[in-house]
């Protein structure tokens, strides 16, 4: 019943698509110790999407390590543009994903 009230009675798949369209996602790279690069994905709502599951899918598709913590996903290495393409393939709108150079 609570799912229906959140989406105004819309089917769950339409509700999920609408929530994905409201996300403003930022993808950037941080340098860590010893010159290691880490791709950071921020802006995905933890309450609407399972970050651990999303991180697991990204890690397996990119063949890299990583984690989901503090409301963001961290992946080992520089995968900015590949992550953007994968997120678009998962249903996130391309215009809401920003890659920070």
PDB file of N, CA and C in Angstrom:
ATOM      1  N   UNK A   1       0.819  -1.196   0.000  1.00  0.00           N
ATOM      2  CA  UNK A   1       0.000   0.000   0.000  1.00  0.00           C
ATOM      3  C   UNK A   1       0.861   1.258   0.000  1.00  0.00           C
ATOM      4  N   UNK A   2       1.971   1.243   0.731  1.00  0.00           N
ATOM      5  CA  UNK A   2       2.820   2.436   0.789  1.00  0.00           C
ATOM      6  C   UNK A   2       3.483   2.711  -0.554  1.00  0.00           C
ATOM      7  N   UNK A   3       3.802   1.652  -1.339  1.00  0.00           N
ATOM      8  CA  UNK A   3       4.392   1.854  -2.659  1.00  0.00           C
ATOM      9  C   UNK A   3       3.431   2.581  -3.578  1.00  0.00           C
ATOM     10  N   UNK A   4       2.133   2.261  -3.467  1.00  0.00           N
ATOM     11  CA  UNK A   4       1.143   2.912  -4.313  1.00  0.00           C
ATOM     12  C   UNK A   4       0.989   4.381  -3.954  1.00  0.00           C
ATOM     13  N   UNK A   5       1.033   4.696  -2.673  1.00  0.00           N
ATOM     14  CA  UNK A   5       0.865   6.088  -2.266  1.00  0.00           C
ATOM     15  C   UNK A   5       2.071   6.942  -2.661  1.00  0.00           C
ATOM     16  N   UNK A   6       3.262   6.359  -2.717  1.00  0.00           N
ATOM     17  CA  UNK A   6       4.442   7.114  -3.111  1.00  0.00           C
ATOM     18  C   UNK A   6       4.418   7.486  -4.589  1.00  0.00           C
ATOM     19  N   UNK A   7       3.839   6.634  -5.419  1.00  0.00           N
ATOM     20  CA  UNK A   7       3.846   6.850  -6.867  1.00  0.00           C
ATOM     21  C   UNK A   7       2.487   7.260  -7.398  1.00  0.00           C
ATOM     22  N   UNK A   8       1.548   7.549  -6.543  1.00  0.00           N
ATOM     23  CA  UNK A   8       0.236   7.963  -7.000  1.00  0.00           C
ATOM     24  C   UNK A   8      -0.519   6.868  -7.725  1.00  0.00           C
ATOM     25  N   UNK A   9      -0.281   5.604  -7.377  1.00  0.00           N
ATOM     26  CA  UNK A   9      -0.993   4.499  -7.985  1.00  0.00           C
ATOM     27  C   UNK A   9      -0.383   3.989  -9.272  1.00  0.00           C
ATOM     28  N   UNK A  10       0.778   4.478  -9.641  1.00  0.00           N
ATOM     29  CA  UNK A  10       1.444   4.015 -10.860  1.00  0.00           C
ATOM     30  C   UNK A  10       2.035   2.629 -10.657  1.00  0.00           C
ATOM     31  N   UNK A  11       2.175   1.854 -11.732  1.00  0.00           N
ATOM     32  CA  UNK A  11       2.829   0.544 -11.605  1.00  0.00           C
ATOM     33  C   UNK A  11       4.276   0.708 -11.128  1.00  0.00           C
ATOM     34  N   UNK A  12       4.810  -0.297 -10.438  1.00  0.00           N
ATOM     35  CA  UNK A  12       6.157  -0.182  -9.863  1.00  0.00           C
ATOM     36  C   UNK A  12       7.253   0.105 -10.882  1.00  0.00           C
ATOM     37  N   UNK A  13       7.168  -0.494 -12.096  1.00  0.00           N
ATOM     38  CA  UNK A  13       8.228  -0.259 -13.075  1.00  0.00           C
ATOM     39  C   UNK A  13       8.226   1.188 -13.574  1.00  0.00           C
ATOM     40  N   UNK A  14       7.064   1.805 -13.697  1.00  0.00           N
ATOM     41  CA  UNK A  14       6.999   3.218 -14.091  1.00  0.00           C
ATOM     42  C   UNK A  14       7.501   4.096 -12.959  1.00  0.00           C
ATOM     43  N   UNK A  15       7.152   3.739 -11.730  1.00  0.00           N
ATOM     44  CA  UNK A  15       7.612   4.489 -10.564  1.00  0.00           C
ATOM     45  C   UNK A  15       9.134   4.454 -10.470  1.00  0.00           C
ATOM     46  N   UNK A  16       9.729   3.285 -10.724  1.00  0.00           N
ATOM     47  CA  UNK A  16      11.187   3.151 -10.670  1.00  0.00           C
ATOM     48  C   UNK A  16      11.843   3.997 -11.755  1.00  0.00           C
ATOM     49  N   UNK A  17      11.255   4.027 -12.948  1.00  0.00           N
ATOM     50  CA  UNK A  17      11.795   4.833 -14.038  1.00  0.00           C
ATOM     51  C   UNK A  17      11.732   6.321 -13.692  1.00  0.00           C
ATOM     52  N   UNK A  18      10.632   6.754 -13.094  1.00  0.00           N
ATOM     53  CA  UNK A  18      10.503   8.165 -12.697  1.00  0.00           C
ATOM     54  C   UNK A  18      11.537   8.535 -11.648  1.00  0.00           C
ATOM     55  N   UNK A  19      11.767   7.647 -10.681  1.00  0.00           N
ATOM     56  CA  UNK A  19      12.759   7.946  -9.649  1.00  0.00           C
ATOM     57  C   UNK A  19      14.162   7.972 -10.234  1.00  0.00           C
ATOM     58  N   UNK A  20      14.430   7.142 -11.245  1.00  0.00           N
ATOM     59  CA  UNK A  20      15.740   7.148 -11.900  1.00  0.00           C
ATOM     60  C   UNK A  20      15.949   8.455 -12.655  1.00  0.00           C
ATOM     61  N   UNK A  21      14.891   9.007 -13.223  1.00  0.00           N
ATOM     62  CA  UNK A  21      15.008  10.240 -13.987  1.00  0.00           C
ATOM     63  C   UNK A  21      15.252  11.458 -13.094  1.00  0.00           C
ATOM     64  N   UNK A  22      14.928  11.352 -11.810  1.00  0.00           N
ATOM     65  CA  UNK A  22      15.126  12.469 -10.892  1.00  0.00           C
ATOM     66  C   UNK A  22      16.536  12.525 -10.325  1.00  0.00           C
ATOM     67  N   UNK A  23      17.338  11.497 -10.525  1.00  0.00           N
ATOM     68  CA  UNK A  23      18.684  11.439  -9.972  1.00  0.00           C
ATOM     69  C   UNK A  23      19.632  12.341 -10.760  1.00  0.00           C
ATOM     70  N   UNK A  24      20.479  13.082 -10.075  1.00  0.00           N
ATOM     71  CA  UNK A  24      21.583  13.819 -10.695  1.00  0.00           C
ATOM     72  C   UNK A  24      22.853  13.099 -10.245  1.00  0.00           C
ATOM     73  N   UNK A  25      23.469  12.378 -11.161  1.00  0.00           N
ATOM     74  CA  UNK A  25      24.598  11.515 -10.822  1.00  0.00           C
ATOM     75  C   UNK A  25      25.894  12.166 -11.275  1.00  0.00           C
ATOM     76  N   UNK A  26      26.871  12.183 -10.370  1.00  0.00           N
ATOM     77  CA  UNK A  26      28.199  12.725 -10.683  1.00  0.00           C
ATOM     78  C   UNK A  26      29.216  11.596 -10.626  1.00  0.00           C
ATOM     79  N   UNK A  27      30.044  11.517 -11.663  1.00  0.00           N
ATOM     80  CA  UNK A  27      31.100  10.506 -11.726  1.00  0.00           C
ATOM     81  C   UNK A  27      32.433  11.242 -11.808  1.00  0.00           C
ATOM     82  N   UNK A  28      33.339  10.930 -10.886  1.00  0.00           N
ATOM     83  CA  UNK A  28      34.643  11.595 -10.878  1.00  0.00           C
ATOM     84  C   UNK A  28      35.712  10.610 -10.432  1.00  0.00           C
ATOM     85  N   UNK A  29      36.967  11.036 -10.575  1.00  0.00           N
ATOM     86  CA  UNK A  29      38.097  10.196 -10.171  1.00  0.00           C
ATOM     87  C   UNK A  29      38.873  10.915  -9.081  1.00  0.00           C
ATOM     88  N   UNK A  30      39.254  10.175  -8.047  1.00  0.00           N
ATOM     89  CA  UNK A  30      40.107  10.692  -6.973  1.00  0.00           C
ATOM     90  C   UNK A  30      41.425   9.944  -7.010  1.00  0.00           C
ATOM     91  N   UNK A  31      42.485  10.657  -6.698  1.00  0.00           N
ATOM     92  CA  UNK A  31      43.797  10.012  -6.522  1.00  0.00           C
ATOM     93  C   UNK A  31      43.922   9.639  -5.056  1.00  0.00           C
ATOM     94  N   UNK A  32      44.346   8.419  -4.817  1.00  0.00           N
ATOM     95  CA  UNK A  32      44.545   7.944  -3.459  1.00  0.00           C
ATOM     96  C   UNK A  32      46.033   7.729  -3.212  1.00  0.00           C
ATOM     97  N   UNK A  33      46.347   7.099  -2.116  1.00  0.00           N
ATOM     98  CA  UNK A  33      47.748   6.838  -1.788  1.00  0.00           C
ATOM     99  C   UNK A  33      48.433   6.046  -2.888  1.00  0.00           C
ATOM    100  N   UNK A  34      49.708   6.300  -3.038  1.00  0.00           N
ATOM    101  CA  UNK A  34      50.563   5.613  -4.008  1.00  0.00           C
ATOM    102  C   UNK A  34      50.096   5.827  -5.447  1.00  0.00           C
ATOM    103  N   UNK A  35      49.356   6.913  -5.716  1.00  0.00           N
ATOM    104  CA  UNK A  35      48.926   7.245  -7.067  1.00  0.00           C
ATOM    105  C   UNK A  35      47.783   6.409  -7.607  1.00  0.00           C
ATOM    106  N   UNK A  36      47.104   5.661  -6.745  1.00  0.00           N
ATOM    107  CA  UNK A  36      45.984   4.828  -7.185  1.00  0.00           C
ATOM    108  C   UNK A  36      44.778   5.710  -7.503  1.00  0.00           C
ATOM    109  N   UNK A  37      44.059   5.365  -8.569  1.00  0.00           N
ATOM    110  CA  UNK A  37      42.863   6.109  -8.943  1.00  0.00           C
ATOM    111  C   UNK A  37      41.620   5.338  -8.516  1.00  0.00           C
ATOM    112  N   UNK A  38      40.604   6.086  -8.068  1.00  0.00           N
ATOM    113  CA  UNK A  38      39.341   5.502  -7.643  1.00  0.00           C
ATOM    114  C   UNK A  38      38.216   6.290  -8.312  1.00  0.00           C
ATOM    115  N   UNK A  39      37.301   5.584  -8.980  1.00  0.00           N
ATOM    116  CA  UNK A  39      36.137   6.222  -9.592  1.00  0.00           C
ATOM    117  C   UNK A  39      35.047   6.327  -8.542  1.00  0.00           C
ATOM    118  N   UNK A  40      34.534   7.550  -8.343  1.00  0.00           N
ATOM    119  CA  UNK A  40      33.493   7.824  -7.354  1.00  0.00           C
ATOM    120  C   UNK A  40      32.189   8.134  -8.083  1.00  0.00           C
ATOM    121  N   UNK A  41      31.108   7.451  -7.694  1.00  0.00           N
ATOM    122  CA  UNK A  41      29.787   7.687  -8.265  1.00  0.00           C
ATOM    123  C   UNK A  41      28.895   8.191  -7.130  1.00  0.00           C
ATOM    124  N   UNK A  42      28.413   9.426  -7.257  1.00  0.00           N
ATOM    125  CA  UNK A  42      27.587  10.039  -6.219  1.00  0.00           C
ATOM    126  C   UNK A  42      26.271  10.507  -6.809  1.00  0.00           C
ATOM    127  N   UNK A  43      25.260  10.643  -5.951  1.00  0.00           N
ATOM    128  CA  UNK A  43      23.988  11.214  -6.367  1.00  0.00           C
ATOM    129  C   UNK A  43      22.880  10.204  -6.568  1.00  0.00           C
ATOM    130  N   UNK A  44      23.148   8.931  -6.355  1.00  0.00           N
ATOM    131  CA  UNK A  44      22.096   7.916  -6.477  1.00  0.00           C
ATOM    132  C   UNK A  44      21.440   7.777  -5.109  1.00  0.00           C
ATOM    133  N   UNK A  45      20.131   7.905  -5.070  1.00  0.00           N
ATOM    134  CA  UNK A  45      19.391   7.867  -3.810  1.00  0.00           C
ATOM    135  C   UNK A  45      19.421   6.460  -3.209  1.00  0.00           C
ATOM    136  N   UNK A  46      19.962   6.352  -2.012  1.00  0.00           N
ATOM    137  CA  UNK A  46      20.075   5.061  -1.333  1.00  0.00           C
ATOM    138  C   UNK A  46      18.716   4.465  -0.997  1.00  0.00           C
ATOM    139  N   UNK A  47      17.724   5.300  -0.780  1.00  0.00           N
ATOM    140  CA  UNK A  47      16.407   4.814  -0.373  1.00  0.00           C
ATOM    141  C   UNK A  47      15.650   4.198  -1.536  1.00  0.00           C
ATOM    142  N   UNK A  48      15.963   4.612  -2.756  1.00  0.00           N
ATOM    143  CA  UNK A  48      15.249   4.116  -3.920  1.00  0.00           C
ATOM    144  C   UNK A  48      16.004   3.019  -4.662  1.00  0.00           C
ATOM    145  N   UNK A  49      17.336   2.981  -4.532  1.00  0.00           N
ATOM    146  CA  UNK A  49      18.147   1.996  -5.223  1.00  0.00           C
ATOM    147  C   UNK A  49      19.074   1.317  -4.227  1.00  0.00           C
ATOM    148  N   UNK A  50      19.287   0.028  -4.416  1.00  0.00           N
ATOM    149  CA  UNK A  50      20.193  -0.731  -3.566  1.00  0.00           C
ATOM    150  C   UNK A  50      21.621  -0.505  -4.068  1.00  0.00           C
ATOM    151  N   UNK A  51      22.357   0.368  -3.372  1.00  0.00           N
ATOM    152  CA  UNK A  51      23.701   0.719  -3.816  1.00  0.00           C
ATOM    153  C   UNK A  51      24.638  -0.482  -3.821  1.00  0.00           C
ATOM    154  N   UNK A  52      24.498  -1.369  -2.854  1.00  0.00           N
ATOM    155  CA  UNK A  52      25.375  -2.546  -2.806  1.00  0.00           C
ATOM    156  C   UNK A  52      25.144  -3.440  -4.024  1.00  0.00           C
ATOM    157  N   UNK A  53      23.891  -3.619  -4.409  1.00  0.00           N
ATOM    158  CA  UNK A  53      23.587  -4.443  -5.580  1.00  0.00           C
ATOM    159  C   UNK A  53      24.073  -3.764  -6.859  1.00  0.00           C
ATOM    160  N   UNK A  54      23.854  -2.445  -6.952  1.00  0.00           N
ATOM    161  CA  UNK A  54      24.308  -1.690  -8.120  1.00  0.00           C
ATOM    162  C   UNK A  54      25.836  -1.727  -8.218  1.00  0.00           C
ATOM    163  N   UNK A  55      26.521  -1.571  -7.072  1.00  0.00           N
ATOM    164  CA  UNK A  55      27.988  -1.643  -7.053  1.00  0.00           C
ATOM    165  C   UNK A  55      28.459  -3.025  -7.487  1.00  0.00           C
ATOM    166  N   UNK A  56      27.768  -4.054  -7.039  1.00  0.00           N
ATOM    167  CA  UNK A  56      28.137  -5.416  -7.407  1.00  0.00           C
ATOM    168  C   UNK A  56      28.001  -5.633  -8.912  1.00  0.00           C
ATOM    169  N   UNK A  57      26.931  -5.114  -9.499  1.00  0.00           N
ATOM    170  CA  UNK A  57      26.741  -5.243 -10.951  1.00  0.00           C
ATOM    171  C   UNK A  57      27.840  -4.505 -11.709  1.00  0.00           C
ATOM    172  N   UNK A  58      28.159  -3.292 -11.272  1.00  0.00           N
ATOM    173  CA  UNK A  58      29.204  -2.510 -11.941  1.00  0.00           C
ATOM    174  C   UNK A  58      30.561  -3.194 -11.811  1.00  0.00           C
ATOM    175  N   UNK A  59      30.870  -3.705 -10.619  1.00  0.00           N
ATOM    176  CA  UNK A  59      32.156  -4.366 -10.403  1.00  0.00           C
ATOM    177  C   UNK A  59      32.308  -5.586 -11.293  1.00  0.00           C
ATOM    178  N   UNK A  60      31.239  -6.362 -11.435  1.00  0.00           N
ATOM    179  CA  UNK A  60      31.352  -7.561 -12.272  1.00  0.00           C
ATOM    180  C   UNK A  60      31.467  -7.202 -13.751  1.00  0.00           C
ATOM    181  N   UNK A  61      30.759  -6.170 -14.203  1.00  0.00           N
ATOM    182  CA  UNK A  61      30.839  -5.780 -15.614  1.00  0.00           C
ATOM    183  C   UNK A  61      32.175  -5.122 -15.956  1.00  0.00           C
ATOM    184  N   UNK A  62      32.785  -4.441 -14.974  1.00  0.00           N
ATOM    185  CA  UNK A  62      34.058  -3.767 -15.208  1.00  0.00           C
ATOM    186  C   UNK A  62      35.261  -4.609 -14.786  1.00  0.00           C
ATOM    187  N   UNK A  63      35.010  -5.743 -14.169  1.00  0.00           N
ATOM    188  CA  UNK A  63      36.077  -6.631 -13.690  1.00  0.00           C
ATOM    189  C   UNK A  63      37.056  -5.886 -12.788  1.00  0.00           C
ATOM    190  N   UNK A  64      36.491  -5.234 -11.769  1.00  0.00           N
ATOM    191  CA  UNK A  64      37.306  -4.462 -10.840  1.00  0.00           C
ATOM    192  C   UNK A  64      36.755  -4.614  -9.429  1.00  0.00           C
ATOM    193  N   UNK A  65      37.493  -4.135  -8.465  1.00  0.00           N
ATOM    194  CA  UNK A  65      37.048  -4.144  -7.086  1.00  0.00           C
ATOM    195  C   UNK A  65      36.384  -2.828  -6.740  1.00  0.00           C
ATOM    196  N   UNK A  66      35.724  -2.803  -5.612  1.00  0.00           N
ATOM    197  CA  UNK A  66      35.088  -1.573  -5.179  1.00  0.00           C
ATOM    198  C   UNK A  66      34.175  -1.807  -4.007  1.00  0.00           C
ATOM    199  N   UNK A  67      33.442  -0.741  -3.627  1.00  0.00           N
ATOM    200  CA  UNK A  67      32.556  -0.809  -2.480  1.00  0.00           C
ATOM    201  C   UNK A  67      31.457   0.233  -2.615  1.00  0.00           C
ATOM    202  N   UNK A  68      30.424   0.070  -1.799  1.00  0.00           N
ATOM    203  CA  UNK A  68      29.358   1.059  -1.685  1.00  0.00           C
ATOM    204  C   UNK A  68      29.303   1.485  -0.226  1.00  0.00           C
ATOM    205  N   UNK A  69      29.606   2.759   0.032  1.00  0.00           N
ATOM    206  CA  UNK A  69      29.564   3.255   1.405  1.00  0.00           C
ATOM    207  C   UNK A  69      29.339   4.759   1.401  1.00  0.00           C
ATOM    208  N   UNK A  70      28.796   5.268   2.483  1.00  0.00           N
ATOM    209  CA  UNK A  70      28.542   6.698   2.668  1.00  0.00           C
ATOM    210  C   UNK A  70      27.707   7.290   1.535  1.00  0.00           C
ATOM    211  N   UNK A  71      26.779   6.520   0.987  1.00  0.00           N
ATOM    212  CA  UNK A  71      25.903   7.024  -0.064  1.00  0.00           C
ATOM    213  C   UNK A  71      26.563   7.161  -1.420  1.00  0.00           C
ATOM    214  N   UNK A  72      27.684   6.504  -1.621  1.00  0.00           N
ATOM    215  CA  UNK A  72      28.354   6.568  -2.915  1.00  0.00           C
ATOM    216  C   UNK A  72      28.995   5.234  -3.243  1.00  0.00           C
ATOM    217  N   UNK A  73      29.329   5.058  -4.522  1.00  0.00           N
ATOM    218  CA  UNK A  73      29.978   3.837  -4.982  1.00  0.00           C
ATOM    219  C   UNK A  73      31.410   4.187  -5.353  1.00  0.00           C
ATOM    220  N   UNK A  74      32.356   3.392  -4.884  1.00  0.00           N
ATOM    221  CA  UNK A  74      33.771   3.587  -5.201  1.00  0.00           C
ATOM    222  C   UNK A  74      34.270   2.359  -5.952  1.00  0.00           C
ATOM    223  N   UNK A  75      34.871   2.594  -7.116  1.00  0.00           N
ATOM    224  CA  UNK A  75      35.420   1.517  -7.934  1.00  0.00           C
ATOM    225  C   UNK A  75      36.906   1.744  -8.132  1.00  0.00           C
ATOM    226  N   UNK A  76      37.691   0.691  -8.061  1.00  0.00           N
ATOM    227  CA  UNK A  76      39.138   0.811  -8.244  1.00  0.00           C
ATOM    228  C   UNK A  76      39.448   1.079  -9.709  1.00  0.00           C
ATOM    229  N   UNK A  77      40.247   2.107  -9.960  1.00  0.00           N
ATOM    230  CA  UNK A  77      40.646   2.449 -11.321  1.00  0.00           C
ATOM    231  C   UNK A  77      39.809   3.582 -11.902  1.00  0.00           C
ATOM    232  N   UNK A  78      40.207   4.046 -13.086  1.00  0.00           N
ATOM    233  CA  UNK A  78      39.512   5.132 -13.781  1.00  0.00           C
ATOM    234  C   UNK A  78      38.538   4.513 -14.785  1.00  0.00           C
ATOM    235  N   UNK A  79      37.245   4.516 -14.441  1.00  0.00           N
ATOM    236  CA  UNK A  79      36.214   3.919 -15.283  1.00  0.00           C
ATOM    237  C   UNK A  79      35.092   4.914 -15.577  1.00  0.00           C
ATOM    238  N   UNK A  80      35.380   6.213 -15.576  1.00  0.00           N
ATOM    239  CA  UNK A  80      34.342   7.237 -15.689  1.00  0.00           C
ATOM    240  C   UNK A  80      33.402   7.020 -16.872  1.00  0.00           C
ATOM    241  N   UNK A  81      33.936   6.885 -18.058  1.00  0.00           N
ATOM    242  CA  UNK A  81      33.094   6.843 -19.253  1.00  0.00           C
ATOM    243  C   UNK A  81      32.414   5.484 -19.421  1.00  0.00           C
ATOM    244  N   UNK A  82      33.073   4.434 -18.994  1.00  0.00           N
ATOM    245  CA  UNK A  82      32.454   3.107 -19.047  1.00  0.00           C
ATOM    246  C   UNK A  82      31.304   3.016 -18.049  1.00  0.00           C
ATOM    247  N   UNK A  83      31.465   3.634 -16.865  1.00  0.00           N
ATOM    248  CA  UNK A  83      30.403   3.632 -15.867  1.00  0.00           C
ATOM    249  C   UNK A  83      29.196   4.409 -16.385  1.00  0.00           C
ATOM    250  N   UNK A  84      29.447   5.545 -17.042  1.00  0.00           N
ATOM    251  CA  UNK A  84      28.339   6.334 -17.587  1.00  0.00           C
ATOM    252  C   UNK A  84      27.535   5.505 -18.581  1.00  0.00           C
ATOM    253  N   UNK A  85      28.228   4.799 -19.480  1.00  0.00           N
ATOM    254  CA  UNK A  85      27.543   3.970 -20.475  1.00  0.00           C
ATOM    255  C   UNK A  85      26.750   2.857 -19.789  1.00  0.00           C
ATOM    256  N   UNK A  86      27.322   2.226 -18.771  1.00  0.00           N
ATOM    257  CA  UNK A  86      26.620   1.151 -18.068  1.00  0.00           C
ATOM    258  C   UNK A  86      25.387   1.670 -17.336  1.00  0.00           C
ATOM    259  N   UNK A  87      25.494   2.847 -16.713  1.00  0.00           N
ATOM    260  CA  UNK A  87      24.341   3.418 -16.015  1.00  0.00           C
ATOM    261  C   UNK A  87      23.223   3.763 -16.992  1.00  0.00           C
ATOM    262  N   UNK A  88      23.587   4.273 -18.171  1.00  0.00           N
ATOM    263  CA  UNK A  88      22.579   4.569 -19.196  1.00  0.00           C
ATOM    264  C   UNK A  88      21.902   3.271 -19.633  1.00  0.00           C
ATOM    265  N   UNK A  89      22.681   2.216 -19.799  1.00  0.00           N
ATOM    266  CA  UNK A  89      22.119   0.911 -20.175  1.00  0.00           C
ATOM    267  C   UNK A  89      21.201   0.361 -19.083  1.00  0.00           C
ATOM    268  N   UNK A  90      21.443   0.743 -17.823  1.00  0.00           N
ATOM    269  CA  UNK A  90      20.617   0.271 -16.708  1.00  0.00           C
ATOM    270  C   UNK A  90      19.337   1.093 -16.542  1.00  0.00           C
ATOM    271  N   UNK A  91      19.178   2.149 -17.321  1.00  0.00           N
ATOM    272  CA  UNK A  91      17.932   2.904 -17.267  1.00  0.00           C
ATOM    273  C   UNK A  91      18.040   4.306 -16.729  1.00  0.00           C
ATOM    274  N   UNK A  92      19.213   4.743 -16.318  1.00  0.00           N
ATOM    275  CA  UNK A  92      19.383   6.119 -15.866  1.00  0.00           C
ATOM    276  C   UNK A  92      19.490   7.021 -17.092  1.00  0.00           C
ATOM    277  N   UNK A  93      18.808   8.166 -17.114  1.00  0.00           N
ATOM    278  CA  UNK A  93      18.881   9.048 -18.294  1.00  0.00           C
ATOM    279  C   UNK A  93      20.263   9.675 -18.450  1.00  0.00           C
ATOM    280  N   UNK A  94      20.758   9.696 -19.684  1.00  0.00           N
ATOM    281  CA  UNK A  94      22.109  10.169 -19.963  1.00  0.00           C
ATOM    282  C   UNK A  94      22.297  11.641 -19.597  1.00  0.00           C
ATOM    283  N   UNK A  95      21.259  12.448 -19.765  1.00  0.00           N
ATOM    284  CA  UNK A  95      21.394  13.873 -19.472  1.00  0.00           C
ATOM    285  C   UNK A  95      21.513  14.164 -17.979  1.00  0.00           C
ATOM    286  N   UNK A  96      21.205  13.203 -17.125  1.00  0.00           N
ATOM    287  CA  UNK A  96      21.322  13.392 -15.675  1.00  0.00           C
ATOM    288  C   UNK A  96      22.648  12.868 -15.122  1.00  0.00           C
ATOM    289  N   UNK A  97      23.526  12.367 -15.990  1.00  0.00           N
ATOM    290  CA  UNK A  97      24.820  11.830 -15.554  1.00  0.00           C
ATOM    291  C   UNK A  97      25.916  12.774 -16.001  1.00  0.00           C
ATOM    292  N   UNK A  98      26.678  13.282 -15.035  1.00  0.00           N
ATOM    293  CA  UNK A  98      27.759  14.211 -15.313  1.00  0.00           C
ATOM    294  C   UNK A  98      29.097  13.544 -15.010  1.00  0.00           C
ATOM    295  N   UNK A  99      30.003  13.581 -15.988  1.00  0.00           N
ATOM    296  CA  UNK A  99      31.359  13.070 -15.785  1.00  0.00           C
ATOM    297  C   UNK A  99      32.255  14.280 -15.529  1.00  0.00           C
ATOM    298  N   UNK A 100      32.890  14.287 -14.369  1.00  0.00           N
ATOM    299  CA  UNK A 100      33.754  15.390 -13.978  1.00  0.00           C
ATOM    300  C   UNK A 100      35.205  15.010 -14.293  1.00  0.00           C
ATOM    301  N   UNK A 101      35.856  15.835 -15.131  1.00  0.00           N
ATOM    302  CA  UNK A 101      37.232  15.540 -15.535  1.00  0.00           C
ATOM    303  C   UNK A 101      38.236  16.120 -14.571  1.00  0.00           C
TER     304      UNK A 101
END
